[in-house]
Structures are given as C-alpha cells and as structure tokens.
C-alpha atoms as a PDB file:
ATOM      1  CA  MET A   1     -12.574 -22.169 -77.927  1.00  0.00           C
ATOM      2  CA  ALA A   2     -11.149 -20.979 -74.645  1.00  0.00           C
ATOM      3  CA  VAL A   3      -9.877 -17.328 -74.181  1.00  0.00           C
ATOM      4  CA  TYR A   4      -6.876 -17.167 -71.732  1.00  0.00           C
ATOM      5  CA  LEU A   5      -5.463 -14.172 -70.361  1.00  0.00           C
ATOM      6  CA  ARG A   6      -1.908 -13.611 -68.925  1.00  0.00           C
ATOM      7  CA  LEU A   7      -0.846 -10.759 -66.966  1.00  0.00           C
ATOM      8  CA  PHE A   8       3.163 -10.378 -66.071  1.00  0.00           C
ATOM      9  CA  PRO A   9       3.997  -8.867 -62.677  1.00  0.00           C
ATOM     10  CA  LYS A  10       5.661  -5.327 -62.705  1.00  0.00           C
ATOM     11  CA  PRO A  11       8.472  -4.998 -62.262  1.00  0.00           C
ATOM     12  CA  TYR A  12       9.324  -7.682 -64.812  1.00  0.00           C
ATOM     13  CA  VAL A  13      10.759 -10.929 -63.001  1.00  0.00           C
ATOM     14  CA  HIS A  14      13.747 -12.281 -64.500  1.00  0.00           C
ATOM     15  CA  THR A  15      13.268 -16.195 -64.480  1.00  0.00           C
ATOM     16  CA  PRO A  16      15.386 -19.135 -66.186  1.00  0.00           C
ATOM     17  CA  LYS A  17      15.116 -19.207 -70.016  1.00  0.00           C
ATOM     18  CA  GLY A  18      11.815 -21.212 -71.079  1.00  0.00           C
ATOM     19  CA  GLU A  19      10.098 -20.080 -68.117  1.00  0.00           C
ATOM     20  CA  ALA A  20       7.732 -17.074 -66.914  1.00  0.00           C
ATOM     21  CA  ASP A  21       6.159 -15.735 -64.173  1.00  0.00           C
ATOM     22  CA  TYR A  22       2.554 -14.773 -64.717  1.00  0.00           C
ATOM     23  CA  ALA A  23      -1.137 -14.928 -63.531  1.00  0.00           C
ATOM     24  CA  ALA A  24      -3.314 -16.766 -66.085  1.00  0.00           C
ATOM     25  CA  PHE A  25      -7.199 -16.511 -66.244  1.00  0.00           C
ATOM     26  CA  TYR A  26      -9.891 -18.177 -68.321  1.00  0.00           C
ATOM     27  CA  VAL A  27     -12.002 -15.561 -69.493  1.00  0.00           C
ATOM     28  CA  ASP A  28     -15.720 -16.075 -69.408  1.00  0.00           C
ATOM     29  CA  PRO A  29     -16.459 -18.885 -72.423  1.00  0.00           C
ATOM     30  CA  ALA A  30     -19.603 -16.382 -73.620  1.00  0.00           C
ATOM     31  CA  ARG A  31     -16.584 -13.990 -74.861  1.00  0.00           C
ATOM     32  CA  SER A  32     -14.774 -14.529 -77.972  1.00  0.00           C
ATOM     33  CA  PHE A  33     -10.864 -14.205 -78.639  1.00  0.00           C
ATOM     34  CA  GLU A  34     -11.390 -11.180 -80.813  1.00  0.00           C
ATOM     35  CA  ASP A  35     -13.929  -9.170 -78.387  1.00  0.00           C
ATOM     36  CA  VAL A  36     -11.566  -9.797 -75.312  1.00  0.00           C
ATOM     37  CA  LYS A  37      -8.398  -8.711 -77.312  1.00  0.00           C
ATOM     38  CA  GLU A  38     -10.006  -5.466 -78.802  1.00  0.00           C
ATOM     39  CA  GLN A  39     -11.432  -4.604 -75.122  1.00  0.00           C
ATOM     40  CA  ILE A  40      -8.101  -4.566 -73.900  1.00  0.00           C
ATOM     41  CA  GLU A  41      -6.174  -3.176 -76.935  1.00  0.00           C
ATOM     42  CA  SER A  42      -8.553   0.149 -76.879  1.00  0.00           C
ATOM     43  CA  ALA A  43      -8.034   0.634 -73.486  1.00  0.00           C
ATOM     44  CA  GLY A  44      -5.818   3.202 -72.103  1.00  0.00           C
ATOM     45  CA  PRO A  45      -2.905   2.145 -70.002  1.00  0.00           C
ATOM     46  CA  ASP A  46      -4.650   3.528 -66.524  1.00  0.00           C
ATOM     47  CA  ASP A  47      -8.376   2.487 -67.827  1.00  0.00           C
ATOM     48  CA  GLU A  48      -9.828  -0.193 -65.411  1.00  0.00           C
ATOM     49  CA  ILE A  49     -10.515  -3.305 -67.826  1.00  0.00           C
ATOM     50  CA  VAL A  50     -13.133  -5.751 -66.302  1.00  0.00           C
ATOM     51  CA  LEU A  51     -13.558  -9.103 -67.641  1.00  0.00           C
ATOM     52  CA  LYS A  52     -15.782 -11.909 -66.717  1.00  0.00           C
ATOM     53  CA  VAL A  53     -13.274 -14.686 -65.724  1.00  0.00           C
ATOM     54  CA  ALA A  54     -14.095 -18.444 -64.108  1.00  0.00           C
ATOM     55  CA  LEU A  55     -12.320 -19.731 -61.183  1.00  0.00           C
ATOM     56  CA  ARG A  56     -11.852 -23.003 -60.334  1.00  0.00           C
ATOM     57  CA  ASP A  57     -14.039 -23.085 -57.240  1.00  0.00           C
ATOM     58  CA  LEU A  58     -16.847 -21.091 -58.456  1.00  0.00           C
ATOM     59  CA  ALA A  59     -19.400 -22.568 -60.880  1.00  0.00           C
ATOM     60  CA  PHE A  60     -20.014 -18.932 -62.638  1.00  0.00           C
ATOM     61  CA  PRO A  61     -17.828 -16.330 -64.018  1.00  0.00           C
ATOM     62  CA  VAL A  62     -16.847 -13.155 -61.617  1.00  0.00           C
ATOM     63  CA  PRO A  63     -15.861  -9.728 -62.586  1.00  0.00           C
ATOM     64  CA  PHE A  64     -11.966  -9.060 -62.566  1.00  0.00           C
ATOM     65  CA  GLY A  65     -10.459  -5.677 -63.002  1.00  0.00           C
ATOM     66  CA  PHE A  66      -7.158  -4.562 -63.919  1.00  0.00           C
ATOM     67  CA  ARG A  67      -5.274  -2.064 -65.369  1.00  0.00           C
ATOM     68  CA  LYS A  68      -2.324  -2.453 -68.232  1.00  0.00           C
ATOM     69  CA  SER A  69      -0.174   0.191 -66.623  1.00  0.00           C
ATOM     70  CA  ASP A  70       0.046  -2.389 -63.257  1.00  0.00           C
ATOM     71  CA  TRP A  71       1.394  -4.987 -65.195  1.00  0.00           C
ATOM     72  CA  SER A  72       4.770  -5.270 -67.002  1.00  0.00           C
ATOM     73  CA  ALA A  73       2.917  -6.997 -69.776  1.00  0.00           C
ATOM     74  CA  TRP A  74      -0.156  -8.910 -70.918  1.00  0.00           C
ATOM     75  CA  MET A  75      -1.076 -11.305 -73.662  1.00  0.00           C
ATOM     76  CA  VAL A  76      -4.648 -12.820 -74.401  1.00  0.00           C
ATOM     77  CA  HIS A  77      -4.685 -15.927 -76.637  1.00  0.00           C
ATOM     78  CA  PRO A  78      -7.306 -18.702 -77.548  1.00  0.00           C
ATOM     79  CA  LEU A  79      -7.108 -22.506 -77.355  1.00  0.00           C
ATOM     80  CA  PRO A  80      -9.274 -24.974 -78.769  1.00  0.00           C
ATOM     81  CA  GLU A  81     -11.482 -26.953 -76.173  1.00  0.00           C
ATOM     82  CA  ASP A  82     -10.031 -30.169 -77.308  1.00  0.00           C
ATOM     83  CA  GLU A  83      -6.342 -28.767 -76.529  1.00  0.00           C
ATOM     84  CA  ALA A  84      -7.468 -27.112 -73.008  1.00  0.00           C
ATOM     85  CA  GLY A  85      -7.502 -30.306 -71.018  1.00  0.00           C
ATOM     86  CA  SER A  86      -8.586 -30.189 -67.481  1.00  0.00           C
ATOM     87  CA  GLY A  87      -5.865 -27.845 -66.281  1.00  0.00           C
END
C-alpha cells in the first residue's frame, strides 16, 4: 500500500472551490500508514519530523525533514497500489 504525505503551505492559500494548494510526497514504501501517521501525530509543532520519501528522479528514498509549525496543515493517507497509477 502506498502512503502519501500532503503539506499545505503557510500562510494558507485560498484556491477555487474543489482545488487545493499542497506539496505531496510518496513516503518510503517500507513504512506503513499507521507508523507514519503516529510519527507525525506524536511530534510537537516545532519538532523536526524526518521521513524518507521517494523522488521521481532517484531510485531510492531520501530523508525529508519538516516541522508542523511551518505548514498550515498536513495529511497522510494510504492508497492501494492498484489505485496509485504511474503518477
């Protein structure tokens, strides 16, 4: 199952209805949805959260660090591999 992280910019950007402005990351496939969600939820607003993310131009996941206080919102969600597509 693929796990995606979405980070919404701060300050919040108003967009037309049905659209959203965010940065999306495909989390290391070795991590489960529950594990990633727990790591982010348990971190404080100014704690650095480091996740390995897959980038399109690299064959291996690389560390990506962020703080919840630097973003207006975050969301992590699973997506079954058969629905992930080639994206």
